PDB file of N, CA and C in Angstrom:
ATOM      1  N   MET A   1     -19.277   9.735  -3.481  1.00  0.00           N
ATOM      2  CA  MET A   1     -18.284   9.391  -2.473  1.00  0.00           C
ATOM      3  C   MET A   1     -16.918   9.303  -3.147  1.00  0.00           C
ATOM      4  N   LYS A   2     -15.950   9.949  -2.515  1.00  0.00           N
ATOM      5  CA  LYS A   2     -14.576   9.857  -3.000  1.00  0.00           C
ATOM      6  C   LYS A   2     -14.056   8.454  -2.706  1.00  0.00           C
ATOM      7  N   ARG A   3     -13.351   7.867  -3.612  1.00  0.00           N
ATOM      8  CA  ARG A   3     -12.803   6.526  -3.398  1.00  0.00           C
ATOM      9  C   ARG A   3     -11.298   6.628  -3.158  1.00  0.00           C
ATOM     10  N   VAL A   4     -10.471   6.332  -4.130  1.00  0.00           N
ATOM     11  CA  VAL A   4      -9.016   6.416  -3.951  1.00  0.00           C
ATOM     12  C   VAL A   4      -8.575   7.876  -4.013  1.00  0.00           C
ATOM     13  N   THR A   5      -7.719   8.263  -3.070  1.00  0.00           N
ATOM     14  CA  THR A   5      -7.208   9.629  -3.026  1.00  0.00           C
ATOM     15  C   THR A   5      -5.729   9.712  -3.392  1.00  0.00           C
ATOM     16  N   GLY A   6      -5.045   8.579  -3.490  1.00  0.00           N
ATOM     17  CA  GLY A   6      -3.631   8.583  -3.841  1.00  0.00           C
ATOM     18  C   GLY A   6      -3.028   7.204  -3.702  1.00  0.00           C
ATOM     19  N   ILE A   7      -1.748   7.118  -3.943  1.00  0.00           N
ATOM     20  CA  ILE A   7      -1.009   5.867  -3.766  1.00  0.00           C
ATOM     21  C   ILE A   7      -0.270   5.960  -2.445  1.00  0.00           C
ATOM     22  N   GLY A   8      -0.496   4.986  -1.571  1.00  0.00           N
ATOM     23  CA  GLY A   8       0.126   4.983  -0.256  1.00  0.00           C
ATOM     24  C   GLY A   8       1.379   4.140  -0.181  1.00  0.00           C
ATOM     25  N   GLY A   9       1.542   3.203  -1.123  1.00  0.00           N
ATOM     26  CA  GLY A   9       2.722   2.358  -1.056  1.00  0.00           C
ATOM     27  C   GLY A   9       2.872   1.459  -2.254  1.00  0.00           C
ATOM     28  N   ILE A  10       4.101   1.072  -2.507  1.00  0.00           N
ATOM     29  CA  ILE A  10       4.445   0.122  -3.556  1.00  0.00           C
ATOM     30  C   ILE A  10       5.309  -0.944  -2.908  1.00  0.00           C
ATOM     31  N   PHE A  11       4.850  -2.177  -2.991  1.00  0.00           N
ATOM     32  CA  PHE A  11       5.541  -3.313  -2.383  1.00  0.00           C
ATOM     33  C   PHE A  11       5.903  -4.281  -3.496  1.00  0.00           C
ATOM     34  N   PHE A  12       7.149  -4.763  -3.515  1.00  0.00           N
ATOM     35  CA  PHE A  12       7.534  -5.695  -4.575  1.00  0.00           C
ATOM     36  C   PHE A  12       8.469  -6.769  -4.035  1.00  0.00           C
ATOM     37  N   LYS A  13       8.363  -7.941  -4.648  1.00  0.00           N
ATOM     38  CA  LYS A  13       9.181  -9.077  -4.236  1.00  0.00           C
ATOM     39  C   LYS A  13      10.571  -8.989  -4.854  1.00  0.00           C
ATOM     40  N   CYS A  14      11.571  -9.475  -4.108  1.00  0.00           N
ATOM     41  CA  CYS A  14      12.938  -9.553  -4.607  1.00  0.00           C
ATOM     42  C   CYS A  14      13.668 -10.657  -3.845  1.00  0.00           C
ATOM     43  N   LYS A  15      14.762 -11.101  -4.395  1.00  0.00           N
ATOM     44  CA  LYS A  15      15.504 -12.204  -3.777  1.00  0.00           C
ATOM     45  C   LYS A  15      16.090 -11.823  -2.415  1.00  0.00           C
ATOM     46  N   ASP A  16      16.629 -10.611  -2.303  1.00  0.00           N
ATOM     47  CA  ASP A  16      17.293 -10.192  -1.071  1.00  0.00           C
ATOM     48  C   ASP A  16      16.923  -8.740  -0.754  1.00  0.00           C
ATOM     49  N   PRO A  17      15.887  -8.529   0.054  1.00  0.00           N
ATOM     50  CA  PRO A  17      15.449  -7.164   0.357  1.00  0.00           C
ATOM     51  C   PRO A  17      16.543  -6.289   0.978  1.00  0.00           C
ATOM     52  N   ILE A  18      17.415  -6.869   1.784  1.00  0.00           N
ATOM     53  CA  ILE A  18      18.480  -6.079   2.414  1.00  0.00           C
ATOM     54  C   ILE A  18      19.426  -5.537   1.349  1.00  0.00           C
ATOM     55  N   LYS A  19      19.872  -6.414   0.454  1.00  0.00           N
ATOM     56  CA  LYS A  19      20.769  -5.972  -0.623  1.00  0.00           C
ATOM     57  C   LYS A  19      20.056  -4.998  -1.560  1.00  0.00           C
ATOM     58  N   MET A  20      18.772  -5.226  -1.808  1.00  0.00           N
ATOM     59  CA  MET A  20      18.014  -4.341  -2.689  1.00  0.00           C
ATOM     60  C   MET A  20      17.914  -2.945  -2.081  1.00  0.00           C
ATOM     61  N   ARG A  21      17.586  -2.873  -0.791  1.00  0.00           N
ATOM     62  CA  ARG A  21      17.510  -1.568  -0.128  1.00  0.00           C
ATOM     63  C   ARG A  21      18.871  -0.868  -0.183  1.00  0.00           C
ATOM     64  N   GLU A  22      19.936  -1.618   0.068  1.00  0.00           N
ATOM     65  CA  GLU A  22      21.286  -1.055   0.063  1.00  0.00           C
ATOM     66  C   GLU A  22      21.662  -0.543  -1.333  1.00  0.00           C
ATOM     67  N   TRP A  23      21.287  -1.290  -2.380  1.00  0.00           N
ATOM     68  CA  TRP A  23      21.574  -0.859  -3.757  1.00  0.00           C
ATOM     69  C   TRP A  23      20.890   0.477  -4.049  1.00  0.00           C
ATOM     70  N   TYR A  24      19.608   0.580  -3.697  1.00  0.00           N
ATOM     71  CA  TYR A  24      18.873   1.820  -3.939  1.00  0.00           C
ATOM     72  C   TYR A  24      19.421   2.983  -3.111  1.00  0.00           C
ATOM     73  N   LYS A  25      19.889   2.681  -1.913  1.00  0.00           N
ATOM     74  CA  LYS A  25      20.482   3.717  -1.062  1.00  0.00           C
ATOM     75  C   LYS A  25      21.789   4.213  -1.671  1.00  0.00           C
ATOM     76  N   THR A  26      22.636   3.270  -2.073  1.00  0.00           N
ATOM     77  CA  THR A  26      23.946   3.604  -2.625  1.00  0.00           C
ATOM     78  C   THR A  26      23.839   4.306  -3.971  1.00  0.00           C
ATOM     79  N   HIS A  27      23.055   3.754  -4.875  1.00  0.00           N
ATOM     80  CA  HIS A  27      23.047   4.238  -6.249  1.00  0.00           C
ATOM     81  C   HIS A  27      22.011   5.315  -6.543  1.00  0.00           C
ATOM     82  N   LEU A  28      20.912   5.336  -5.813  1.00  0.00           N
ATOM     83  CA  LEU A  28      19.865   6.321  -6.087  1.00  0.00           C
ATOM     84  C   LEU A  28      19.604   7.262  -4.918  1.00  0.00           C
ATOM     85  N   GLY A  29      20.308   7.040  -3.810  1.00  0.00           N
ATOM     86  CA  GLY A  29      20.213   7.957  -2.692  1.00  0.00           C
ATOM     87  C   GLY A  29      18.930   7.862  -1.881  1.00  0.00           C
ATOM     88  N   ILE A  30      18.216   6.754  -2.001  1.00  0.00           N
ATOM     89  CA  ILE A  30      16.987   6.586  -1.216  1.00  0.00           C
ATOM     90  C   ILE A  30      17.365   6.282   0.223  1.00  0.00           C
ATOM     91  N   ASN A  31      16.848   7.062   1.151  1.00  0.00           N
ATOM     92  CA  ASN A  31      17.133   6.891   2.573  1.00  0.00           C
ATOM     93  C   ASN A  31      16.309   5.715   3.100  1.00  0.00           C
ATOM     94  N   THR A  32      16.874   4.521   3.082  1.00  0.00           N
ATOM     95  CA  THR A  32      16.140   3.314   3.427  1.00  0.00           C
ATOM     96  C   THR A  32      16.233   2.985   4.912  1.00  0.00           C
ATOM     97  N   ASN A  33      15.266   2.162   5.359  1.00  0.00           N
ATOM     98  CA  ASN A  33      15.272   1.617   6.716  1.00  0.00           C
ATOM     99  C   ASN A  33      14.961   0.122   6.610  1.00  0.00           C
ATOM    100  N   ASP A  34      14.628  -0.535   7.698  1.00  0.00           N
ATOM    101  CA  ASP A  34      14.387  -1.983   7.677  1.00  0.00           C
ATOM    102  C   ASP A  34      13.181  -2.393   6.824  1.00  0.00           C
ATOM    103  N   TYR A  35      12.311  -1.450   6.502  1.00  0.00           N
ATOM    104  CA  TYR A  35      11.097  -1.767   5.748  1.00  0.00           C
ATOM    105  C   TYR A  35      11.146  -1.265   4.315  1.00  0.00           C
ATOM    106  N   GLY A  36      12.060  -0.389   4.014  1.00  0.00           N
ATOM    107  CA  GLY A  36      12.150   0.208   2.691  1.00  0.00           C
ATOM    108  C   GLY A  36      12.429   1.688   2.846  1.00  0.00           C
ATOM    109  N   ALA A  37      11.473   2.515   2.437  1.00  0.00           N
ATOM    110  CA  ALA A  37      11.628   3.957   2.557  1.00  0.00           C
ATOM    111  C   ALA A  37      10.250   4.599   2.585  1.00  0.00           C
ATOM    112  N   THR A  38      10.198   5.803   3.120  1.00  0.00           N
ATOM    113  CA  THR A  38       8.959   6.574   3.131  1.00  0.00           C
ATOM    114  C   THR A  38       9.231   7.907   2.468  1.00  0.00           C
ATOM    115  N   PHE A  39       8.383   8.259   1.522  1.00  0.00           N
ATOM    116  CA  PHE A  39       8.470   9.539   0.837  1.00  0.00           C
ATOM    117  C   PHE A  39       7.316  10.405   1.333  1.00  0.00           C
ATOM    118  N   ASP A  40       7.639  11.475   2.037  1.00  0.00           N
ATOM    119  CA  ASP A  40       6.619  12.377   2.566  1.00  0.00           C
ATOM    120  C   ASP A  40       6.312  13.452   1.538  1.00  0.00           C
ATOM    121  N   TRP A  41       5.067  13.930   1.552  1.00  0.00           N
ATOM    122  CA  TRP A  41       4.628  14.972   0.635  1.00  0.00           C
ATOM    123  C   TRP A  41       3.512  15.782   1.273  1.00  0.00           C
ATOM    124  N   LYS A  42       3.181  16.902   0.638  1.00  0.00           N
ATOM    125  CA  LYS A  42       2.083  17.756   1.095  1.00  0.00           C
ATOM    126  C   LYS A  42       1.092  17.925  -0.053  1.00  0.00           C
ATOM    127  N   GLU A  43      -0.167  18.092   0.305  1.00  0.00           N
ATOM    128  CA  GLU A  43      -1.212  18.328  -0.686  1.00  0.00           C
ATOM    129  C   GLU A  43      -0.967  19.677  -1.370  1.00  0.00           C
ATOM    130  N   MET A  44      -1.124  19.737  -2.663  1.00  0.00           N
ATOM    131  CA  MET A  44      -0.975  21.002  -3.385  1.00  0.00           C
ATOM    132  C   MET A  44      -2.071  21.984  -2.982  1.00  0.00           C
ATOM    133  N   SER A  45      -3.297  21.485  -2.808  1.00  0.00           N
ATOM    134  CA  SER A  45      -4.433  22.362  -2.506  1.00  0.00           C
ATOM    135  C   SER A  45      -4.495  22.776  -1.038  1.00  0.00           C
ATOM    136  N   ASP A  46      -3.779  22.050  -0.169  1.00  0.00           N
ATOM    137  CA  ASP A  46      -3.794  22.347   1.265  1.00  0.00           C
ATOM    138  C   ASP A  46      -2.422  21.998   1.824  1.00  0.00           C
ATOM    139  N   SER A  47      -1.556  23.006   1.936  1.00  0.00           N
ATOM    140  CA  SER A  47      -0.171  22.737   2.332  1.00  0.00           C
ATOM    141  C   SER A  47      -0.039  22.204   3.760  1.00  0.00           C
ATOM    142  N   ASP A  48      -1.114  22.240   4.548  1.00  0.00           N
ATOM    143  CA  ASP A  48      -1.087  21.651   5.889  1.00  0.00           C
ATOM    144  C   ASP A  48      -1.390  20.154   5.856  1.00  0.00           C
ATOM    145  N   ALA A  49      -1.992  19.685   4.771  1.00  0.00           N
ATOM    146  CA  ALA A  49      -2.338  18.265   4.638  1.00  0.00           C
ATOM    147  C   ALA A  49      -1.097  17.501   4.179  1.00  0.00           C
ATOM    148  N   LYS A  50      -0.683  16.531   4.984  1.00  0.00           N
ATOM    149  CA  LYS A  50       0.517  15.755   4.680  1.00  0.00           C
ATOM    150  C   LYS A  50       0.150  14.334   4.283  1.00  0.00           C
ATOM    151  N   GLY A  51       1.031  13.707   3.551  1.00  0.00           N
ATOM    152  CA  GLY A  51       0.855  12.319   3.175  1.00  0.00           C
ATOM    153  C   GLY A  51       2.206  11.660   3.009  1.00  0.00           C
ATOM    154  N   SER A  52       2.180  10.368   2.733  1.00  0.00           N
ATOM    155  CA  SER A  52       3.433   9.652   2.508  1.00  0.00           C
ATOM    156  C   SER A  52       3.202   8.473   1.579  1.00  0.00           C
ATOM    157  N   LEU A  53       4.263   8.040   0.952  1.00  0.00           N
ATOM    158  CA  LEU A  53       4.252   6.859   0.105  1.00  0.00           C
ATOM    159  C   LEU A  53       5.333   5.925   0.621  1.00  0.00           C
ATOM    160  N   THR A  54       4.971   4.676   0.861  1.00  0.00           N
ATOM    161  CA  THR A  54       5.920   3.673   1.325  1.00  0.00           C
ATOM    162  C   THR A  54       6.449   2.891   0.129  1.00  0.00           C
ATOM    163  N   TRP A  55       7.737   2.710   0.077  1.00  0.00           N
ATOM    164  CA  TRP A  55       8.404   1.910  -0.951  1.00  0.00           C
ATOM    165  C   TRP A  55       9.050   0.756  -0.213  1.00  0.00           C
ATOM    166  N   SER A  56       8.690  -0.494  -0.580  1.00  0.00           N
ATOM    167  CA  SER A  56       9.149  -1.608   0.235  1.00  0.00           C
ATOM    168  C   SER A  56       9.516  -2.843  -0.575  1.00  0.00           C
ATOM    169  N   PRO A  57      10.828  -3.142  -0.701  1.00  0.00           N
ATOM    170  CA  PRO A  57      11.249  -4.429  -1.254  1.00  0.00           C
ATOM    171  C   PRO A  57      10.923  -5.504  -0.221  1.00  0.00           C
ATOM    172  N   THR A  58      10.338  -6.588  -0.676  1.00  0.00           N
ATOM    173  CA  THR A  58       9.864  -7.647   0.207  1.00  0.00           C
ATOM    174  C   THR A  58      10.435  -8.983  -0.242  1.00  0.00           C
ATOM    175  N   LYS A  59      10.737  -9.852   0.703  1.00  0.00           N
ATOM    176  CA  LYS A  59      11.302 -11.176   0.390  1.00  0.00           C
ATOM    177  C   LYS A  59      10.437 -11.879  -0.651  1.00  0.00           C
ATOM    178  N   GLU A  60      11.062 -12.486  -1.642  1.00  0.00           N
ATOM    179  CA  GLU A  60      10.321 -13.122  -2.728  1.00  0.00           C
ATOM    180  C   GLU A  60       9.457 -14.288  -2.259  1.00  0.00           C
ATOM    181  N   THR A  61       9.718 -14.813  -1.068  1.00  0.00           N
ATOM    182  CA  THR A  61       8.927 -15.931  -0.546  1.00  0.00           C
ATOM    183  C   THR A  61       7.742 -15.464   0.300  1.00  0.00           C
ATOM    184  N   THR A  62       7.538 -14.142   0.400  1.00  0.00           N
ATOM    185  CA  THR A  62       6.435 -13.649   1.220  1.00  0.00           C
ATOM    186  C   THR A  62       5.089 -14.211   0.750  1.00  0.00           C
ATOM    187  N   GLU A  63       4.236 -14.466   1.692  1.00  0.00           N
ATOM    188  CA  GLU A  63       2.878 -14.902   1.375  1.00  0.00           C
ATOM    189  C   GLU A  63       1.901 -13.742   1.521  1.00  0.00           C
ATOM    190  N   TYR A  64       2.425 -12.570   1.853  1.00  0.00           N
ATOM    191  CA  TYR A  64       1.579 -11.405   2.118  1.00  0.00           C
ATOM    192  C   TYR A  64       0.776 -10.977   0.888  1.00  0.00           C
ATOM    193  N   PHE A  65       1.292 -11.217  -0.320  1.00  0.00           N
ATOM    194  CA  PHE A  65       0.589 -10.811  -1.537  1.00  0.00           C
ATOM    195  C   PHE A  65      -0.486 -11.816  -1.948  1.00  0.00           C
ATOM    196  N   GLU A  66      -0.505 -12.981  -1.336  1.00  0.00           N
ATOM    197  CA  GLU A  66      -1.474 -14.020  -1.717  1.00  0.00           C
ATOM    198  C   GLU A  66      -2.895 -13.578  -1.399  1.00  0.00           C
ATOM    199  N   PRO A  67      -3.861 -13.991  -2.185  1.00  0.00           N
ATOM    200  CA  PRO A  67      -3.819 -15.039  -3.193  1.00  0.00           C
ATOM    201  C   PRO A  67      -3.281 -14.601  -4.548  1.00  0.00           C
ATOM    202  N   SER A  68      -2.901 -13.339  -4.702  1.00  0.00           N
ATOM    203  CA  SER A  68      -2.339 -12.869  -5.964  1.00  0.00           C
ATOM    204  C   SER A  68      -1.033 -13.603  -6.252  1.00  0.00           C
ATOM    205  N   LYS A  69      -0.763 -13.844  -7.496  1.00  0.00           N
ATOM    206  CA  LYS A  69       0.488 -14.480  -7.917  1.00  0.00           C
ATOM    207  C   LYS A  69       1.492 -13.447  -8.423  1.00  0.00           C
ATOM    208  N   ARG A  70       1.137 -12.179  -8.352  1.00  0.00           N
ATOM    209  CA  ARG A  70       1.997 -11.101  -8.861  1.00  0.00           C
ATOM    210  C   ARG A  70       3.193 -10.858  -7.947  1.00  0.00           C
ATOM    211  N   GLU A  71       4.169 -10.186  -8.478  1.00  0.00           N
ATOM    212  CA  GLU A  71       5.398  -9.855  -7.761  1.00  0.00           C
ATOM    213  C   GLU A  71       5.285  -8.523  -7.031  1.00  0.00           C
ATOM    214  N   PHE A  72       4.101  -7.902  -7.062  1.00  0.00           N
ATOM    215  CA  PHE A  72       3.942  -6.582  -6.479  1.00  0.00           C
ATOM    216  C   PHE A  72       2.569  -6.447  -5.832  1.00  0.00           C
ATOM    217  N   MET A  73       2.425  -5.433  -5.015  1.00  0.00           N
ATOM    218  CA  MET A  73       1.131  -5.053  -4.473  1.00  0.00           C
ATOM    219  C   MET A  73       1.153  -3.530  -4.316  1.00  0.00           C
ATOM    220  N   ILE A  74       0.066  -2.889  -4.709  1.00  0.00           N
ATOM    221  CA  ILE A  74      -0.048  -1.445  -4.571  1.00  0.00           C
ATOM    222  C   ILE A  74      -1.020  -1.135  -3.442  1.00  0.00           C
ATOM    223  N   ASN A  75      -0.661  -0.149  -2.645  1.00  0.00           N
ATOM    224  CA  ASN A  75      -1.490   0.346  -1.549  1.00  0.00           C
ATOM    225  C   ASN A  75      -2.060   1.682  -1.997  1.00  0.00           C
ATOM    226  N   TYR A  76      -3.394   1.803  -1.946  1.00  0.00           N
ATOM    227  CA  TYR A  76      -4.059   3.056  -2.298  1.00  0.00           C
ATOM    228  C   TYR A  76      -4.629   3.697  -1.046  1.00  0.00           C
ATOM    229  N   THR A  77      -4.514   5.019  -0.940  1.00  0.00           N
ATOM    230  CA  THR A  77      -5.114   5.726   0.185  1.00  0.00           C
ATOM    231  C   THR A  77      -6.575   6.044  -0.143  1.00  0.00           C
ATOM    232  N   VAL A  78      -7.407   6.010   0.889  1.00  0.00           N
ATOM    233  CA  VAL A  78      -8.832   6.323   0.756  1.00  0.00           C
ATOM    234  C   VAL A  78      -9.244   7.217   1.921  1.00  0.00           C
ATOM    235  N   GLU A  79     -10.410   7.856   1.801  1.00  0.00           N
ATOM    236  CA  GLU A  79     -10.873   8.766   2.862  1.00  0.00           C
ATOM    237  C   GLU A  79     -11.763   8.095   3.891  1.00  0.00           C
ATOM    238  N   ASN A  80     -12.633   7.206   3.470  1.00  0.00           N
ATOM    239  CA  ASN A  80     -13.592   6.582   4.389  1.00  0.00           C
ATOM    240  C   ASN A  80     -13.661   5.094   4.066  1.00  0.00           C
ATOM    241  N   LEU A  81     -12.795   4.329   4.699  1.00  0.00           N
ATOM    242  CA  LEU A  81     -12.650   2.922   4.367  1.00  0.00           C
ATOM    243  C   LEU A  81     -13.921   2.123   4.610  1.00  0.00           C
ATOM    244  N   GLU A  82     -14.596   2.366   5.732  1.00  0.00           N
ATOM    245  CA  GLU A  82     -15.811   1.601   6.037  1.00  0.00           C
ATOM    246  C   GLU A  82     -16.873   1.790   4.958  1.00  0.00           C
ATOM    247  N   ALA A  83     -17.116   3.040   4.570  1.00  0.00           N
ATOM    248  CA  ALA A  83     -18.121   3.324   3.546  1.00  0.00           C
ATOM    249  C   ALA A  83     -17.714   2.725   2.200  1.00  0.00           C
ATOM    250  N   LEU A  84     -16.427   2.821   1.881  1.00  0.00           N
ATOM    251  CA  LEU A  84     -15.953   2.265   0.614  1.00  0.00           C
ATOM    252  C   LEU A  84     -16.122   0.752   0.585  1.00  0.00           C
ATOM    253  N   VAL A  85     -15.784   0.073   1.667  1.00  0.00           N
ATOM    254  CA  VAL A  85     -15.933  -1.389   1.720  1.00  0.00           C
ATOM    255  C   VAL A  85     -17.394  -1.780   1.515  1.00  0.00           C
ATOM    256  N   GLU A  86     -18.312  -1.039   2.105  1.00  0.00           N
ATOM    257  CA  GLU A  86     -19.742  -1.336   1.913  1.00  0.00           C
ATOM    258  C   GLU A  86     -20.138  -1.182   0.450  1.00  0.00           C
ATOM    259  N   GLU A  87     -19.648  -0.148  -0.211  1.00  0.00           N
ATOM    260  CA  GLU A  87     -19.941   0.045  -1.638  1.00  0.00           C
ATOM    261  C   GLU A  87     -19.324  -1.072  -2.472  1.00  0.00           C
ATOM    262  N   LEU A  88     -18.087  -1.440  -2.164  1.00  0.00           N
ATOM    263  CA  LEU A  88     -17.417  -2.504  -2.923  1.00  0.00           C
ATOM    264  C   LEU A  88     -18.145  -3.835  -2.766  1.00  0.00           C
ATOM    265  N   LYS A  89     -18.669  -4.109  -1.582  1.00  0.00           N
ATOM    266  CA  LYS A  89     -19.452  -5.335  -1.376  1.00  0.00           C
ATOM    267  C   LYS A  89     -20.678  -5.334  -2.271  1.00  0.00           C
ATOM    268  N   LYS A  90     -21.365  -4.196  -2.352  1.00  0.00           N
ATOM    269  CA  LYS A  90     -22.546  -4.073  -3.225  1.00  0.00           C
ATOM    270  C   LYS A  90     -22.175  -4.306  -4.685  1.00  0.00           C
ATOM    271  N   GLU A  91     -20.956  -3.907  -5.044  1.00  0.00           N
ATOM    272  CA  GLU A  91     -20.460  -4.054  -6.415  1.00  0.00           C
ATOM    273  C   GLU A  91     -19.838  -5.430  -6.652  1.00  0.00           C
ATOM    274  N   GLN A  92     -19.938  -6.302  -5.664  1.00  0.00           N
ATOM    275  CA  GLN A  92     -19.443  -7.688  -5.713  1.00  0.00           C
ATOM    276  C   GLN A  92     -17.930  -7.785  -5.908  1.00  0.00           C
ATOM    277  N   VAL A  93     -17.201  -6.816  -5.354  1.00  0.00           N
ATOM    278  CA  VAL A  93     -15.745  -6.871  -5.347  1.00  0.00           C
ATOM    279  C   VAL A  93     -15.333  -7.827  -4.232  1.00  0.00           C
ATOM    280  N   THR A  94     -14.341  -8.657  -4.484  1.00  0.00           N
ATOM    281  CA  THR A  94     -13.863  -9.600  -3.480  1.00  0.00           C
ATOM    282  C   THR A  94     -13.093  -8.863  -2.390  1.00  0.00           C
ATOM    283  N   ILE A  95     -13.610  -8.953  -1.161  1.00  0.00           N
ATOM    284  CA  ILE A  95     -12.956  -8.384   0.014  1.00  0.00           C
ATOM    285  C   ILE A  95     -12.262  -9.547   0.711  1.00  0.00           C
ATOM    286  N   LEU A  96     -10.951  -9.468   0.899  1.00  0.00           N
ATOM    287  CA  LEU A  96     -10.181 -10.602   1.413  1.00  0.00           C
ATOM    288  C   LEU A  96     -10.168 -10.726   2.930  1.00  0.00           C
ATOM    289  N   ASP A  97     -10.374  -9.629   3.640  1.00  0.00           N
ATOM    290  CA  ASP A  97     -10.262  -9.686   5.091  1.00  0.00           C
ATOM    291  C   ASP A  97     -11.125  -8.607   5.728  1.00  0.00           C
ATOM    292  N   GLU A  98     -11.121  -8.582   7.029  1.00  0.00           N
ATOM    293  CA  GLU A  98     -11.842  -7.550   7.777  1.00  0.00           C
ATOM    294  C   GLU A  98     -10.959  -6.310   7.870  1.00  0.00           C
ATOM    295  N   ILE A  99     -11.554  -5.173   8.095  1.00  0.00           N
ATOM    296  CA  ILE A  99     -10.786  -3.950   8.279  1.00  0.00           C
ATOM    297  C   ILE A  99      -9.934  -4.079   9.542  1.00  0.00           C
ATOM    298  N   ALA A 100      -8.647  -3.826   9.396  1.00  0.00           N
ATOM    299  CA  ALA A 100      -7.712  -3.869  10.527  1.00  0.00           C
ATOM    300  C   ALA A 100      -7.372  -2.430  10.915  1.00  0.00           C
ATOM    301  N   VAL A 101      -7.339  -2.176  12.219  1.00  0.00           N
ATOM    302  CA  VAL A 101      -7.073  -0.826  12.718  1.00  0.00           C
ATOM    303  C   VAL A 101      -5.738  -0.814  13.467  1.00  0.00           C
ATOM    304  N   TYR A 102      -4.880   0.131  13.101  1.00  0.00           N
ATOM    305  CA  TYR A 102      -3.577   0.305  13.727  1.00  0.00           C
ATOM    306  C   TYR A 102      -3.414   1.769  14.127  1.00  0.00           C
ATOM    307  N   ASP A 103      -2.332   2.085  14.816  1.00  0.00           N
ATOM    308  CA  ASP A 103      -2.057   3.461  15.220  1.00  0.00           C
ATOM    309  C   ASP A 103      -1.950   4.406  14.018  1.00  0.00           C
ATOM    310  N   PHE A 104      -1.541   3.882  12.861  1.00  0.00           N
ATOM    311  CA  PHE A 104      -1.301   4.714  11.687  1.00  0.00           C
ATOM    312  C   PHE A 104      -2.411   4.637  10.652  1.00  0.00           C
ATOM    313  N   GLY A 105      -3.532   3.963  10.986  1.00  0.00           N
ATOM    314  CA  GLY A 105      -4.662   3.944  10.068  1.00  0.00           C
ATOM    315  C   GLY A 105      -5.366   2.609   9.985  1.00  0.00           C
ATOM    316  N   LYS A 106      -6.297   2.532   9.037  1.00  0.00           N
ATOM    317  CA  LYS A 106      -7.108   1.328   8.817  1.00  0.00           C
ATOM    318  C   LYS A 106      -6.742   0.722   7.470  1.00  0.00           C
ATOM    319  N   PHE A 107      -6.785  -0.616   7.408  1.00  0.00           N
ATOM    320  CA  PHE A 107      -6.407  -1.334   6.191  1.00  0.00           C
ATOM    321  C   PHE A 107      -7.424  -2.425   5.869  1.00  0.00           C
ATOM    322  N   VAL A 108      -7.565  -2.714   4.583  1.00  0.00           N
ATOM    323  CA  VAL A 108      -8.306  -3.881   4.118  1.00  0.00           C
ATOM    324  C   VAL A 108      -7.710  -4.274   2.770  1.00  0.00           C
ATOM    325  N   HIS A 109      -7.877  -5.536   2.399  1.00  0.00           N
ATOM    326  CA  HIS A 109      -7.349  -6.032   1.126  1.00  0.00           C
ATOM    327  C   HIS A 109      -8.485  -6.515   0.248  1.00  0.00           C
ATOM    328  N   ILE A 110      -8.369  -6.223  -1.051  1.00  0.00           N
ATOM    329  CA  ILE A 110      -9.356  -6.651  -2.041  1.00  0.00           C
ATOM    330  C   ILE A 110      -8.623  -7.281  -3.214  1.00  0.00           C
ATOM    331  N   LEU A 111      -9.389  -7.879  -4.132  1.00  0.00           N
ATOM    332  CA  LEU A 111      -8.821  -8.366  -5.387  1.00  0.00           C
ATOM    333  C   LEU A 111      -9.390  -7.540  -6.525  1.00  0.00           C
ATOM    334  N   ASP A 112      -8.532  -7.200  -7.494  1.00  0.00           N
ATOM    335  CA  ASP A 112      -9.023  -6.505  -8.675  1.00  0.00           C
ATOM    336  C   ASP A 112      -9.530  -7.520  -9.698  1.00  0.00           C
ATOM    337  N   LEU A 113      -9.894  -7.042 -10.853  1.00  0.00           N
ATOM    338  CA  LEU A 113     -10.492  -7.876 -11.897  1.00  0.00           C
ATOM    339  C   LEU A 113      -9.626  -9.063 -12.301  1.00  0.00           C
ATOM    340  N   GLU A 114      -8.294  -8.912 -12.257  1.00  0.00           N
ATOM    341  CA  GLU A 114      -7.386  -9.987 -12.664  1.00  0.00           C
ATOM    342  C   GLU A 114      -6.792 -10.749 -11.484  1.00  0.00           C
ATOM    343  N   GLY A 115      -7.336 -10.545 -10.284  1.00  0.00           N
ATOM    344  CA  GLY A 115      -6.872 -11.293  -9.124  1.00  0.00           C
ATOM    345  C   GLY A 115      -5.654 -10.717  -8.434  1.00  0.00           C
ATOM    346  N   ASN A 116      -5.319  -9.456  -8.721  1.00  0.00           N
ATOM    347  CA  ASN A 116      -4.210  -8.794  -8.038  1.00  0.00           C
ATOM    348  C   ASN A 116      -4.680  -8.318  -6.677  1.00  0.00           C
ATOM    349  N   LYS A 117      -3.905  -8.604  -5.653  1.00  0.00           N
ATOM    350  CA  LYS A 117      -4.239  -8.135  -4.315  1.00  0.00           C
ATOM    351  C   LYS A 117      -3.942  -6.636  -4.236  1.00  0.00           C
ATOM    352  N   VAL A 118      -4.913  -5.898  -3.717  1.00  0.00           N
ATOM    353  CA  VAL A 118      -4.811  -4.450  -3.577  1.00  0.00           C
ATOM    354  C   VAL A 118      -5.034  -4.114  -2.106  1.00  0.00           C
ATOM    355  N   GLU A 119      -4.180  -3.264  -1.569  1.00  0.00           N
ATOM    356  CA  GLU A 119      -4.333  -2.838  -0.173  1.00  0.00           C
ATOM    357  C   GLU A 119      -4.938  -1.440  -0.160  1.00  0.00           C
ATOM    358  N   LEU A 120      -6.014  -1.278   0.617  1.00  0.00           N
ATOM    359  CA  LEU A 120      -6.646   0.031   0.791  1.00  0.00           C
ATOM    360  C   LEU A 120      -6.321   0.520   2.195  1.00  0.00           C
ATOM    361  N   TRP A 121      -5.924   1.784   2.296  1.00  0.00           N
ATOM    362  CA  TRP A 121      -5.460   2.344   3.566  1.00  0.00           C
ATOM    363  C   TRP A 121      -6.112   3.695   3.803  1.00  0.00           C
ATOM    364  N   GLU A 122      -6.738   3.821   4.963  1.00  0.00           N
ATOM    365  CA  GLU A 122      -7.230   5.121   5.413  1.00  0.00           C
ATOM    366  C   GLU A 122      -6.255   5.616   6.465  1.00  0.00           C
ATOM    367  N   PRO A 123      -5.350   6.549   6.082  1.00  0.00           N
ATOM    368  CA  PRO A 123      -4.374   7.046   7.050  1.00  0.00           C
ATOM    369  C   PRO A 123      -5.053   7.782   8.196  1.00  0.00           C
ATOM    370  N   LYS A 124      -4.384   7.784   9.340  1.00  0.00           N
ATOM    371  CA  LYS A 124      -4.886   8.515  10.496  1.00  0.00           C
ATOM    372  C   LYS A 124      -4.592   9.986  10.352  1.00  0.00           C
TER     373      LYS A 124
END
C-alpha cells in the first residue's frame, strides 16, 4: 500500500501572520492570501494529475498544533486515508482524531515518534 505521496502543506507559528505574509509577498514575491499561499504543481509522470502545497504562517498562540510543542506542522498527502489509518492503528501509531471530510478532501492527525503533530490529507 502506498502511504505518503507528497507534502501538502507547511504550517508554522509566528508573532504576526499578517505582517509575515506581507513580508514574503513584498520580498519574495509569494502571492499570499488570508491563509498564506498555495503552490500548484503537476505530476511529472501524469501531466493531467494536479496537486498543491499550502504555505501558512499561523498565529504563535494557535492551539491547532497541540499536543505537539513544535513551532510547525507538516501536512502529507496520501492516497487512501481510511486504509492508512487502519494500518497505523495496527502499528500502534497515535491517532489524534477521527477522519474529517471536507469539500477539498479528508484529514486526520497523528503523532510521530517525538510527539510532533502530523496532518495527513487525502485530496479530492
